[in-house]
């Protein structure tokens, strides 16, 4: 989970690849520090939605989109992923 990197910057090994991926997907429009906040909020909303079963359709859509985003670095940065 990347949200832990909000509390402890640099601790998550996924932090750098997540921020670089978001920057690449948005053509640099979203900066790394903002990307971490957005990703942390996104993952928290998914967790709260799954726990409470509130807005389950929206929650599952967010989860599906997040899972696609999780696999995006495999296509964009295969050399960094498989080192």
Protein backbone atom coordinates (compact mmCIF):
# COMPACT_ATOMS: atom_id res chain seq x y z
CA UNK A 1 0.00 0.00 0.00
CA UNK A 2 1.29 3.36 -0.99
CA UNK A 3 -0.70 5.32 1.61
CA UNK A 4 1.88 4.45 4.27
CA UNK A 5 4.40 6.52 2.36
CA UNK A 6 2.32 9.60 3.21
CA UNK A 7 3.16 9.06 6.86
CA UNK A 8 6.71 7.78 6.31
CA UNK A 9 8.10 9.30 3.08
CA UNK A 10 10.57 7.10 1.23
CA UNK A 11 9.67 3.97 3.16
CA UNK A 12 7.59 2.26 0.50
CA UNK A 13 9.49 0.71 -2.41
CA UNK A 14 6.38 1.25 -4.55
CA UNK A 15 6.31 5.00 -3.90
CA UNK A 16 8.74 6.00 -6.65
CA UNK A 17 7.28 3.77 -9.35
CA UNK A 18 3.74 4.85 -8.44
CA UNK A 19 4.54 8.55 -8.66
CA UNK A 20 6.55 8.18 -11.88
CA UNK A 21 3.72 6.17 -13.44
CA UNK A 22 1.10 8.78 -12.54
CA UNK A 23 3.33 11.55 -13.85
CA UNK A 24 3.81 9.68 -17.12
CA UNK A 25 0.10 8.89 -17.52
CA UNK A 26 -0.88 12.51 -16.94
CA UNK A 27 1.96 13.86 -19.14
CA UNK A 28 3.48 15.64 -16.13
CA UNK A 29 0.26 17.43 -15.21
CA UNK A 30 0.14 15.83 -11.75
CA UNK A 31 3.35 16.17 -9.72
CA UNK A 32 4.76 13.42 -7.50
CA UNK A 33 3.67 14.89 -4.14
CA UNK A 34 0.13 15.47 -5.40
CA UNK A 35 0.04 12.00 -6.97
CA UNK A 36 0.79 10.40 -3.60
CA UNK A 37 -2.04 12.28 -1.92
CA UNK A 38 -4.48 11.33 -4.69
CA UNK A 39 -3.40 7.69 -4.59
CA UNK A 40 -3.59 7.53 -0.80
CA UNK A 41 -7.09 9.04 -0.85
CA UNK A 42 -8.16 6.68 -3.65
CA UNK A 43 -6.96 3.58 -1.76
CA UNK A 44 -8.54 4.78 1.48
CA UNK A 45 -11.89 5.30 -0.24
CA UNK A 46 -11.70 1.78 -1.66
CA UNK A 47 -10.96 0.35 1.77
CA UNK A 48 -13.75 2.27 3.49
CA UNK A 49 -16.19 1.35 0.72
CA UNK A 50 -15.37 -2.36 0.98
CA UNK A 51 -15.58 -2.36 4.77
CA UNK A 52 -18.87 -0.47 4.95
CA UNK A 53 -20.45 -1.83 1.73
CA UNK A 54 -21.61 1.72 1.03
CA UNK A 55 -21.69 2.74 -2.62
CA UNK A 56 -20.51 -0.73 -3.57
CA UNK A 57 -20.76 -0.16 -7.34
CA UNK A 58 -18.63 2.97 -7.14
CA UNK A 59 -16.20 1.24 -4.80
CA UNK A 60 -15.79 -1.72 -7.15
CA UNK A 61 -15.27 0.64 -10.09
CA UNK A 62 -12.54 2.46 -8.15
CA UNK A 63 -10.99 -0.90 -7.25
CA UNK A 64 -11.04 -2.08 -10.86
CA UNK A 65 -9.47 1.18 -12.07
CA UNK A 66 -6.82 0.97 -9.34
CA UNK A 67 -5.97 -2.61 -10.33
CA UNK A 68 -5.48 -1.48 -13.94
CA UNK A 69 -3.26 1.32 -12.71
CA UNK A 70 -1.28 -1.10 -10.60
CA UNK A 71 -0.37 -3.10 -13.69
CA UNK A 72 0.49 -0.07 -15.83
CA UNK A 73 4.17 0.07 -14.73
CA UNK A 74 4.64 -3.40 -16.21
CA UNK A 75 4.00 -1.86 -19.63
CA UNK A 76 5.66 1.51 -19.10
CA UNK A 77 8.76 0.53 -17.11
CA UNK A 78 9.53 -3.17 -17.62
CA UNK A 79 13.28 -2.67 -17.12
CA UNK A 80 12.76 -1.09 -13.68
CA UNK A 81 10.19 -3.67 -12.60
CA UNK A 82 12.20 -6.77 -13.50
CA UNK A 83 15.61 -5.81 -12.09
